[in-house]
Amino acid sequence: MELLPAVLAAVRAARSLDGLLVVVGAHPVETDADTVFCPEWERGPGASLRCGLAALPPEAEAALVVLADGPDLDPRAVDRVVDSWREDGGDAVAAAYGGVRLHPVLLARAAWPLVPDEGARALPARLVDCGDLNPPGDVDLRR
C-alpha cells in the first residue's frame, strides 16, 4: 500500500508552502518530489528530520513536517498551522485534533538544532485547533 502519493497530494493542495522535500531512508521511494537520503535513518525519526532540515536552503525560515503514513492529511490543517505561525510565531506549532497533538508540525529554524532522535514530538509546541478536520491518520505497515 503506497501512502506517500496521498500525503504529497494534500501538501501540494495547501496554499501556504514554498517547496516540498521528501526524506528517504529504509526503503526506496518512487516520487516526483525532491528527495534527500538520510543514512542515519535507523537512529530514529529525528535523525531523518534533521537530514531534511539540513537539506533546506539557507533562506528557509521554517519547515512544515508531515509523515508519509498519514494519508488523510487535510490541506486546511497545513494552512492553519502555517498561518498561525505567520501570525503568532513560535519555535514549534502543531495541529491538534480533539486536543491531541498530531501533524502537521511547523518548526521554525530556531528549533531545528533541538530535534532529538525520537523526533519533533519531544519538543514543546503551541497547538492549533484542527478538531473540525479529520486527523491525518497513522498507518503502520510491516515489511
N, C-alpha and C. Protein backbone atom coordinates (compact mmCIF):
# COMPACT_ATOMS: atom_id res chain seq x y z
N MET A 1 0.85 -1.18 0.00
CA MET A 1 0.00 0.00 0.00
C MET A 1 0.90 1.24 0.00
N GLU A 2 0.75 2.03 -1.00
CA GLU A 2 1.57 3.24 -1.12
C GLU A 2 0.80 4.43 -0.56
N LEU A 3 1.30 5.00 0.54
CA LEU A 3 0.61 6.09 1.21
C LEU A 3 1.13 7.46 0.80
N LEU A 4 2.39 7.51 0.37
CA LEU A 4 3.03 8.79 0.08
C LEU A 4 2.29 9.64 -0.95
N PRO A 5 1.77 9.08 -2.04
CA PRO A 5 1.08 9.94 -3.02
C PRO A 5 -0.08 10.73 -2.42
N ALA A 6 -0.86 10.13 -1.53
CA ALA A 6 -1.98 10.84 -0.92
C ALA A 6 -1.49 11.98 -0.03
N VAL A 7 -0.42 11.72 0.71
CA VAL A 7 0.14 12.76 1.59
C VAL A 7 0.70 13.91 0.74
N LEU A 8 1.43 13.58 -0.30
CA LEU A 8 2.00 14.63 -1.16
C LEU A 8 0.90 15.43 -1.86
N ALA A 9 -0.18 14.77 -2.26
CA ALA A 9 -1.29 15.49 -2.89
C ALA A 9 -1.90 16.50 -1.90
N ALA A 10 -2.03 16.11 -0.65
CA ALA A 10 -2.58 17.02 0.35
C ALA A 10 -1.63 18.20 0.59
N VAL A 11 -0.35 17.92 0.68
CA VAL A 11 0.62 19.00 0.89
C VAL A 11 0.61 19.96 -0.30
N ARG A 12 0.56 19.42 -1.49
CA ARG A 12 0.54 20.26 -2.69
C ARG A 12 -0.75 21.08 -2.81
N ALA A 13 -1.83 20.59 -2.22
CA ALA A 13 -3.10 21.31 -2.27
C ALA A 13 -3.13 22.48 -1.29
N ALA A 14 -2.23 22.48 -0.33
CA ALA A 14 -2.16 23.60 0.62
C ALA A 14 -1.67 24.84 -0.13
N ARG A 15 -2.14 26.00 0.26
CA ARG A 15 -1.78 27.24 -0.43
C ARG A 15 -0.57 27.94 0.18
N SER A 16 -0.06 27.42 1.29
CA SER A 16 0.87 28.21 2.09
C SER A 16 2.33 27.75 2.06
N LEU A 17 2.70 26.82 1.20
CA LEU A 17 4.06 26.30 1.22
C LEU A 17 4.85 26.73 -0.01
N ASP A 18 6.16 26.85 0.19
CA ASP A 18 7.04 27.29 -0.90
C ASP A 18 7.77 26.14 -1.58
N GLY A 19 7.82 24.98 -0.99
CA GLY A 19 8.55 23.87 -1.58
C GLY A 19 8.21 22.58 -0.87
N LEU A 20 8.77 21.49 -1.39
CA LEU A 20 8.47 20.16 -0.88
C LEU A 20 9.72 19.31 -0.95
N LEU A 21 10.02 18.61 0.13
CA LEU A 21 11.18 17.73 0.19
C LEU A 21 10.80 16.46 0.93
N VAL A 22 11.11 15.31 0.35
CA VAL A 22 10.82 14.02 0.97
C VAL A 22 12.13 13.42 1.45
N VAL A 23 12.16 13.00 2.71
CA VAL A 23 13.33 12.34 3.27
C VAL A 23 13.12 10.84 3.16
N VAL A 24 14.08 10.15 2.58
CA VAL A 24 14.00 8.70 2.42
C VAL A 24 15.14 8.05 3.19
N GLY A 25 14.94 6.77 3.53
CA GLY A 25 15.97 6.07 4.30
C GLY A 25 15.88 4.57 4.14
N ALA A 26 15.02 3.93 4.92
CA ALA A 26 14.97 2.47 4.99
C ALA A 26 14.54 1.81 3.69
N HIS A 27 13.63 2.46 2.96
CA HIS A 27 13.08 1.85 1.76
C HIS A 27 13.15 2.82 0.59
N PRO A 28 13.40 2.29 -0.60
CA PRO A 28 13.39 3.17 -1.77
C PRO A 28 11.97 3.70 -2.00
N VAL A 29 11.90 4.92 -2.50
CA VAL A 29 10.61 5.57 -2.72
C VAL A 29 10.59 6.13 -4.13
N GLU A 30 9.51 5.87 -4.83
CA GLU A 30 9.30 6.46 -6.15
C GLU A 30 8.42 7.69 -5.96
N THR A 31 8.94 8.86 -6.33
CA THR A 31 8.17 10.09 -6.21
C THR A 31 8.72 11.12 -7.18
N ASP A 32 7.87 12.04 -7.57
CA ASP A 32 8.33 13.13 -8.42
C ASP A 32 8.79 14.32 -7.58
N ALA A 33 8.70 14.20 -6.26
CA ALA A 33 9.15 15.27 -5.36
C ALA A 33 10.67 15.20 -5.20
N ASP A 34 11.26 16.32 -4.82
CA ASP A 34 12.68 16.31 -4.47
C ASP A 34 12.87 15.42 -3.24
N THR A 35 13.98 14.68 -3.23
CA THR A 35 14.25 13.79 -2.11
C THR A 35 15.66 14.02 -1.57
N VAL A 36 15.84 13.63 -0.32
CA VAL A 36 17.16 13.59 0.30
C VAL A 36 17.25 12.27 1.04
N PHE A 37 18.38 11.58 0.89
CA PHE A 37 18.58 10.31 1.57
C PHE A 37 19.21 10.56 2.93
N CYS A 38 18.68 9.90 3.95
CA CYS A 38 19.23 10.01 5.30
C CYS A 38 19.93 8.71 5.66
N PRO A 39 21.26 8.70 5.67
CA PRO A 39 21.97 7.47 6.00
C PRO A 39 21.84 7.08 7.47
N GLU A 40 21.39 7.98 8.31
CA GLU A 40 21.26 7.70 9.74
C GLU A 40 19.81 7.41 10.13
N TRP A 41 18.97 7.01 9.20
CA TRP A 41 17.55 6.83 9.46
C TRP A 41 17.28 5.87 10.61
N GLU A 42 18.17 4.89 10.85
CA GLU A 42 17.96 3.91 11.92
C GLU A 42 18.02 4.52 13.31
N ARG A 43 18.59 5.70 13.44
CA ARG A 43 18.68 6.37 14.75
C ARG A 43 17.33 6.84 15.24
N GLY A 44 16.38 7.00 14.34
CA GLY A 44 15.04 7.41 14.73
C GLY A 44 14.50 8.49 13.82
N PRO A 45 13.22 8.85 14.02
CA PRO A 45 12.60 9.83 13.16
C PRO A 45 13.27 11.20 13.23
N GLY A 46 13.86 11.52 14.36
CA GLY A 46 14.55 12.80 14.49
C GLY A 46 15.76 12.89 13.59
N ALA A 47 16.45 11.77 13.40
CA ALA A 47 17.61 11.75 12.51
C ALA A 47 17.17 12.05 11.08
N SER A 48 16.08 11.43 10.66
CA SER A 48 15.55 11.69 9.32
C SER A 48 15.11 13.15 9.19
N LEU A 49 14.46 13.65 10.21
CA LEU A 49 14.02 15.04 10.19
C LEU A 49 15.22 15.98 10.10
N ARG A 50 16.26 15.71 10.86
CA ARG A 50 17.45 16.56 10.80
C ARG A 50 18.10 16.53 9.42
N CYS A 51 18.09 15.37 8.76
CA CYS A 51 18.61 15.29 7.39
C CYS A 51 17.82 16.20 6.46
N GLY A 52 16.51 16.16 6.58
CA GLY A 52 15.67 17.01 5.74
C GLY A 52 15.89 18.48 6.03
N LEU A 53 15.97 18.84 7.30
CA LEU A 53 16.19 20.24 7.66
C LEU A 53 17.53 20.74 7.14
N ALA A 54 18.55 19.90 7.23
CA ALA A 54 19.89 20.29 6.76
C ALA A 54 19.91 20.51 5.25
N ALA A 55 18.99 19.88 4.53
CA ALA A 55 18.95 19.99 3.07
C ALA A 55 18.17 21.21 2.58
N LEU A 56 17.52 21.92 3.49
CA LEU A 56 16.73 23.08 3.09
C LEU A 56 17.64 24.27 2.81
N PRO A 57 17.18 25.19 1.96
CA PRO A 57 18.01 26.35 1.62
C PRO A 57 18.19 27.28 2.83
N PRO A 58 19.28 28.03 2.84
CA PRO A 58 19.56 28.92 3.97
C PRO A 58 18.48 29.96 4.23
N GLU A 59 17.74 30.33 3.21
CA GLU A 59 16.69 31.35 3.40
C GLU A 59 15.41 30.77 4.00
N ALA A 60 15.31 29.45 4.17
CA ALA A 60 14.12 28.85 4.75
C ALA A 60 14.01 29.27 6.22
N GLU A 61 12.89 29.86 6.58
CA GLU A 61 12.67 30.32 7.95
C GLU A 61 12.04 29.24 8.83
N ALA A 62 11.37 28.30 8.20
CA ALA A 62 10.67 27.25 8.93
C ALA A 62 10.45 26.06 8.01
N ALA A 63 10.11 24.94 8.62
CA ALA A 63 9.79 23.73 7.86
C ALA A 63 8.51 23.14 8.42
N LEU A 64 7.64 22.72 7.53
CA LEU A 64 6.42 22.04 7.94
C LEU A 64 6.67 20.54 7.80
N VAL A 65 6.40 19.81 8.84
CA VAL A 65 6.68 18.37 8.87
C VAL A 65 5.38 17.60 8.84
N VAL A 66 5.30 16.64 7.92
CA VAL A 66 4.19 15.69 7.86
C VAL A 66 4.80 14.31 7.73
N LEU A 67 4.03 13.30 8.08
CA LEU A 67 4.51 11.92 7.98
C LEU A 67 3.90 11.24 6.76
N ALA A 68 4.67 10.35 6.16
CA ALA A 68 4.22 9.65 4.97
C ALA A 68 3.12 8.65 5.28
N ASP A 69 2.93 8.31 6.56
CA ASP A 69 1.89 7.34 6.91
C ASP A 69 0.63 8.00 7.45
N GLY A 70 0.39 9.24 7.00
CA GLY A 70 -0.82 9.96 7.37
C GLY A 70 -1.64 10.30 6.14
N PRO A 71 -2.24 9.30 5.48
CA PRO A 71 -2.89 9.52 4.18
C PRO A 71 -4.13 10.40 4.21
N ASP A 72 -4.67 10.68 5.40
CA ASP A 72 -5.87 11.51 5.48
C ASP A 72 -5.56 12.96 5.83
N LEU A 73 -4.30 13.36 5.65
CA LEU A 73 -3.90 14.74 5.92
C LEU A 73 -4.79 15.70 5.15
N ASP A 74 -5.29 16.70 5.84
CA ASP A 74 -6.16 17.70 5.23
C ASP A 74 -5.33 18.95 4.92
N PRO A 75 -5.33 19.42 3.68
CA PRO A 75 -4.56 20.63 3.34
C PRO A 75 -4.91 21.83 4.20
N ARG A 76 -6.14 21.88 4.69
CA ARG A 76 -6.55 23.00 5.55
C ARG A 76 -5.79 23.00 6.87
N ALA A 77 -5.41 21.82 7.36
CA ALA A 77 -4.60 21.75 8.58
C ALA A 77 -3.21 22.33 8.31
N VAL A 78 -2.66 22.03 7.15
CA VAL A 78 -1.36 22.61 6.76
C VAL A 78 -1.46 24.13 6.77
N ASP A 79 -2.46 24.65 6.10
CA ASP A 79 -2.62 26.11 6.02
C ASP A 79 -2.86 26.74 7.39
N ARG A 80 -3.64 26.09 8.24
CA ARG A 80 -3.90 26.66 9.57
C ARG A 80 -2.62 26.75 10.40
N VAL A 81 -1.82 25.70 10.36
CA VAL A 81 -0.59 25.69 11.15
C VAL A 81 0.36 26.77 10.62
N VAL A 82 0.53 26.84 9.32
CA VAL A 82 1.43 27.84 8.73
C VAL A 82 0.90 29.26 9.02
N ASP A 83 -0.38 29.47 8.81
CA ASP A 83 -0.96 30.80 9.08
C ASP A 83 -0.79 31.19 10.54
N SER A 84 -1.00 30.25 11.44
CA SER A 84 -0.85 30.53 12.87
C SER A 84 0.59 30.95 13.19
N TRP A 85 1.55 30.24 12.60
CA TRP A 85 2.95 30.59 12.83
C TRP A 85 3.26 31.98 12.26
N ARG A 86 2.75 32.26 11.08
CA ARG A 86 3.00 33.57 10.48
C ARG A 86 2.38 34.70 11.31
N GLU A 87 1.24 34.45 11.93
CA GLU A 87 0.56 35.47 12.73
C GLU A 87 1.14 35.59 14.14
N ASP A 88 1.42 34.45 14.79
CA ASP A 88 1.78 34.45 16.20
C ASP A 88 3.19 33.95 16.51
N GLY A 89 3.91 33.46 15.50
CA GLY A 89 5.27 32.99 15.71
C GLY A 89 5.33 31.71 16.53
N GLY A 90 6.50 31.47 17.09
CA GLY A 90 6.73 30.27 17.89
C GLY A 90 7.76 29.39 17.23
N ASP A 91 8.50 28.65 18.07
CA ASP A 91 9.52 27.74 17.53
C ASP A 91 8.92 26.45 17.00
N ALA A 92 7.80 26.01 17.60
CA ALA A 92 7.12 24.80 17.14
C ALA A 92 5.62 25.02 17.26
N VAL A 93 4.91 24.70 16.19
CA VAL A 93 3.46 24.86 16.13
C VAL A 93 2.90 23.56 15.54
N ALA A 94 1.90 22.99 16.20
CA ALA A 94 1.38 21.69 15.76
C ALA A 94 -0.14 21.71 15.69
N ALA A 95 -0.68 20.91 14.79
CA ALA A 95 -2.12 20.72 14.70
C ALA A 95 -2.59 19.84 15.84
N ALA A 96 -3.76 20.16 16.36
CA ALA A 96 -4.37 19.34 17.41
C ALA A 96 -5.79 18.97 16.98
N TYR A 97 -6.12 17.72 17.17
CA TYR A 97 -7.43 17.18 16.80
C TYR A 97 -8.06 16.66 18.08
N GLY A 98 -9.11 17.32 18.54
CA GLY A 98 -9.73 16.93 19.80
C GLY A 98 -8.75 17.05 20.96
N GLY A 99 -7.86 18.03 20.88
CA GLY A 99 -6.88 18.25 21.94
C GLY A 99 -5.65 17.37 21.85
N VAL A 100 -5.58 16.49 20.87
CA VAL A 100 -4.44 15.58 20.71
C VAL A 100 -3.49 16.14 19.66
N ARG A 101 -2.24 16.32 20.03
CA ARG A 101 -1.22 16.85 19.11
C ARG A 101 -0.86 15.79 18.07
N LEU A 102 -0.99 16.19 16.81
CA LEU A 102 -0.63 15.32 15.69
C LEU A 102 0.12 16.16 14.65
N HIS A 103 -0.04 15.79 13.39
CA HIS A 103 0.60 16.51 12.29
C HIS A 103 -0.43 17.31 11.53
N PRO A 104 -0.01 18.31 10.84
CA PRO A 104 1.36 18.77 10.60
C PRO A 104 1.94 19.53 11.80
N VAL A 105 3.28 19.59 11.79
CA VAL A 105 4.04 20.34 12.79
C VAL A 105 4.96 21.29 12.05
N LEU A 106 4.96 22.54 12.46
CA LEU A 106 5.86 23.52 11.87
C LEU A 106 7.00 23.78 12.85
N LEU A 107 8.23 23.72 12.35
CA LEU A 107 9.40 24.02 13.16
C LEU A 107 10.10 25.23 12.58
N ALA A 108 10.17 26.31 13.36
CA ALA A 108 10.95 27.48 12.97
C ALA A 108 12.42 27.11 13.04
N ARG A 109 13.24 27.81 12.28
CA ARG A 109 14.67 27.49 12.20
C ARG A 109 15.33 27.39 13.58
N ALA A 110 14.89 28.20 14.54
CA ALA A 110 15.48 28.17 15.88
C ALA A 110 15.31 26.80 16.55
N ALA A 111 14.31 26.04 16.17
CA ALA A 111 14.05 24.72 16.77
C ALA A 111 14.83 23.60 16.09
N TRP A 112 15.34 23.83 14.92
CA TRP A 112 15.98 22.75 14.16
C TRP A 112 17.12 22.07 14.91
N PRO A 113 18.02 22.80 15.56
CA PRO A 113 19.11 22.10 16.26
C PRO A 113 18.65 21.36 17.51
N LEU A 114 17.41 21.55 17.92
CA LEU A 114 16.89 20.94 19.15
C LEU A 114 16.21 19.60 18.91
N VAL A 115 16.06 19.18 17.65
CA VAL A 115 15.32 17.95 17.33
C VAL A 115 16.13 16.74 17.80
N PRO A 116 15.59 15.97 18.77
CA PRO A 116 16.27 14.76 19.23
C PRO A 116 15.98 13.58 18.32
N ASP A 117 16.69 12.48 18.54
CA ASP A 117 16.49 11.29 17.70
C ASP A 117 15.05 10.80 17.70
N GLU A 118 14.34 10.98 18.82
CA GLU A 118 12.95 10.50 18.86
C GLU A 118 11.99 11.37 18.07
N GLY A 119 12.44 12.51 17.58
CA GLY A 119 11.63 13.33 16.70
C GLY A 119 11.07 14.58 17.35
N ALA A 120 10.32 15.32 16.55
CA ALA A 120 9.80 16.62 16.96
C ALA A 120 8.76 16.53 18.06
N ARG A 121 8.16 15.37 18.26
CA ARG A 121 7.16 15.22 19.32
C ARG A 121 7.76 15.55 20.69
N ALA A 122 9.06 15.39 20.83
CA ALA A 122 9.72 15.68 22.11
C ALA A 122 9.82 17.19 22.38
N LEU A 123 9.60 18.01 21.37
CA LEU A 123 9.68 19.46 21.54
C LEU A 123 8.32 20.02 21.94
N PRO A 124 8.30 20.96 22.87
CA PRO A 124 7.02 21.60 23.19
C PRO A 124 6.53 22.40 21.99
N ALA A 125 5.21 22.42 21.81
CA ALA A 125 4.65 23.12 20.66
C ALA A 125 3.37 23.85 21.06
N ARG A 126 3.15 24.97 20.41
CA ARG A 126 1.87 25.66 20.52
C ARG A 126 0.89 24.93 19.62
N LEU A 127 -0.31 24.64 20.13
CA LEU A 127 -1.27 23.85 19.38
C LEU A 127 -2.26 24.73 18.64
N VAL A 128 -2.61 24.29 17.44
CA VAL A 128 -3.60 24.96 16.59
C VAL A 128 -4.77 24.01 16.45
N ASP A 129 -5.96 24.48 16.81
CA ASP A 129 -7.14 23.63 16.79
C ASP A 129 -7.52 23.25 15.36
N CYS A 130 -7.51 21.95 15.10
CA CYS A 130 -7.96 21.41 13.82
C CYS A 130 -9.02 20.34 14.07
N GLY A 131 -9.69 20.46 15.21
CA GLY A 131 -10.66 19.46 15.62
C GLY A 131 -11.84 19.30 14.69
N ASP A 132 -12.11 20.28 13.85
CA ASP A 132 -13.20 20.16 12.90
C ASP A 132 -12.78 19.42 11.63
N LEU A 133 -11.51 19.06 11.54
CA LEU A 133 -10.98 18.33 10.38
C LEU A 133 -10.69 16.88 10.77
N ASN A 134 -10.61 16.01 9.78
CA ASN A 134 -10.20 14.64 10.06
C ASN A 134 -8.71 14.62 10.36
N PRO A 135 -8.29 13.85 11.37
CA PRO A 135 -6.86 13.73 11.64
C PRO A 135 -6.15 13.02 10.49
N PRO A 136 -4.84 13.21 10.38
CA PRO A 136 -4.12 12.67 9.23
C PRO A 136 -4.03 11.15 9.19
N GLY A 137 -4.22 10.49 10.31
CA GLY A 137 -4.07 9.04 10.36
C GLY A 137 -2.64 8.68 10.70
N ASP A 138 -2.44 7.44 11.02
CA ASP A 138 -1.11 6.90 11.34
C ASP A 138 -1.14 5.43 11.00
N VAL A 139 -0.73 5.11 9.80
CA VAL A 139 -0.80 3.74 9.31
C VAL A 139 0.58 3.11 9.46
N ASP A 140 0.67 2.08 10.24
CA ASP A 140 1.94 1.37 10.42
C ASP A 140 1.91 0.10 9.59
N LEU A 141 2.83 0.03 8.63
CA LEU A 141 2.93 -1.14 7.77
C LEU A 141 4.21 -1.90 8.10
N ARG A 142 4.14 -3.20 8.14
CA ARG A 142 5.31 -4.05 8.38
C ARG A 142 5.72 -4.65 7.04
N ARG A 143 7.02 -4.61 6.78
CA ARG A 143 7.51 -5.20 5.53
C ARG A 143 8.25 -6.46 5.83
